[in-house]
Amino acid sequence: MAAEAVALEERLLQARSAQLLAGREAGAGREEARRAAAQASAVAADRASLQDTIDMLQARRRAPRRGPPAIALLVAYGTLRGNAAGAAPT
């Protein structure tokens, strides 16, 4: 009977050890899931920021210009043709 009691205690200790190990593994799994969720959230925020930048650049490209580019005005008034005074070409 003492041998049976010792065998039962060993099985009980093994079961408790397995339970503790499973608890540690579950905790590690939850921590890994938390880290993955945080990383996914950060990636989603980065993606949203990049999409906002793309949308802004596309809107800027589609917007009508309000006049000729500045370089065309400089050429038209002679400043790039060697006319230092900026007078209109003759």
Protein backbone atom coordinates (compact mmCIF):
# COMPACT_ATOMS: atom_id res chain seq x y z
CA MET A 1 0.00 0.00 0.00
CA ALA A 2 2.90 2.39 0.68
CA ALA A 3 4.22 1.69 -2.83
CA GLU A 4 0.83 2.64 -4.32
CA ALA A 5 0.80 5.86 -2.29
CA VAL A 6 4.30 6.74 -3.53
CA ALA A 7 3.30 5.97 -7.13
CA LEU A 8 0.18 8.16 -6.80
CA GLU A 9 2.24 11.01 -5.35
CA GLU A 10 4.70 10.76 -8.26
CA ARG A 11 1.84 10.87 -10.76
CA LEU A 12 0.36 13.83 -8.90
CA LEU A 13 3.72 15.66 -9.00
CA GLN A 14 4.11 14.92 -12.72
CA ALA A 15 0.59 16.17 -13.40
CA ARG A 16 1.23 19.35 -11.40
CA SER A 17 4.54 19.88 -13.23
CA ALA A 18 2.80 19.48 -16.60
CA GLN A 19 0.10 21.92 -15.48
CA LEU A 20 2.70 24.54 -14.47
CA LEU A 21 4.57 24.08 -17.75
CA ALA A 22 1.34 24.48 -19.73
CA GLY A 23 0.58 27.64 -17.77
CA ARG A 24 3.99 29.11 -18.60
CA GLU A 25 3.60 28.23 -22.27
CA ALA A 26 0.14 29.80 -22.33
CA GLY A 27 1.52 32.98 -20.74
CA ALA A 28 4.30 33.10 -23.33
CA GLY A 29 1.72 32.63 -26.09
CA ARG A 30 -0.40 35.48 -24.75
CA GLU A 31 2.65 37.74 -24.60
CA GLU A 32 3.60 36.85 -28.16
CA ALA A 33 0.03 37.55 -29.30
CA ARG A 34 0.11 40.93 -27.50
CA ARG A 35 3.38 41.86 -29.22
CA ALA A 36 2.03 40.78 -32.62
CA ALA A 37 -1.10 42.89 -32.09
CA ALA A 38 0.99 45.92 -31.13
CA GLN A 39 3.19 45.46 -34.19
CA ALA A 40 0.11 45.11 -36.44
CA SER A 41 -1.28 48.31 -34.97
CA ALA A 42 1.98 50.16 -35.64
CA VAL A 43 2.07 48.87 -39.23
CA ALA A 44 -1.54 49.97 -39.76
CA ALA A 45 -0.70 53.46 -38.46
CA ASP A 46 2.32 53.66 -40.78
CA ARG A 47 0.20 52.52 -43.71
CA ALA A 48 -2.47 55.14 -42.94
CA SER A 49 0.20 57.84 -42.78
CA LEU A 50 1.68 56.76 -46.11
CA GLN A 51 -1.78 56.65 -47.69
CA ASP A 52 -2.45 60.20 -46.47
CA THR A 53 0.83 61.31 -48.04
CA ILE A 54 -0.04 59.60 -51.33
CA ASP A 55 -3.51 61.18 -51.34
CA MET A 56 -2.04 64.62 -50.65
CA LEU A 57 0.53 64.27 -53.44
CA GLN A 58 -2.08 63.06 -55.92
CA ALA A 59 -4.39 65.96 -55.02
CA ARG A 60 -1.52 68.38 -55.47
CA ARG A 61 -0.73 66.87 -58.88
CA ARG A 62 -4.39 67.14 -59.97
CA ALA A 63 -4.81 70.73 -58.75
CA PRO A 64 -4.78 73.34 -61.51
CA ARG A 65 -1.81 75.62 -61.53
CA ARG A 66 -2.44 79.29 -60.90
CA GLY A 67 -0.18 80.57 -63.62
CA PRO A 68 2.99 79.80 -65.48
CA PRO A 69 5.89 78.40 -63.51
CA ALA A 70 8.24 81.00 -62.08
CA ILE A 71 11.04 80.03 -64.49
CA ALA A 72 8.79 80.91 -67.46
CA LEU A 73 8.16 84.35 -65.97
CA LEU A 74 11.89 84.92 -65.50
CA VAL A 75 12.59 83.96 -69.11
CA ALA A 76 9.71 86.11 -70.35
CA TYR A 77 11.08 89.17 -68.56
CA GLY A 78 14.64 88.60 -69.70
CA THR A 79 16.33 87.85 -66.39
CA LEU A 80 17.67 84.57 -67.71
CA ARG A 81 18.68 86.01 -71.06
CA GLY A 82 21.46 88.13 -69.69
CA ASN A 83 19.34 91.19 -69.06
CA ALA A 84 20.39 91.96 -65.48
CA ALA A 85 17.94 94.84 -65.12
CA GLY A 86 15.03 92.52 -65.71
CA ALA A 87 13.59 94.73 -68.42
CA ALA A 88 11.35 93.27 -71.04
CA PRO A 89 13.19 92.07 -74.16
CA THR A 90 13.19 94.38 -77.13
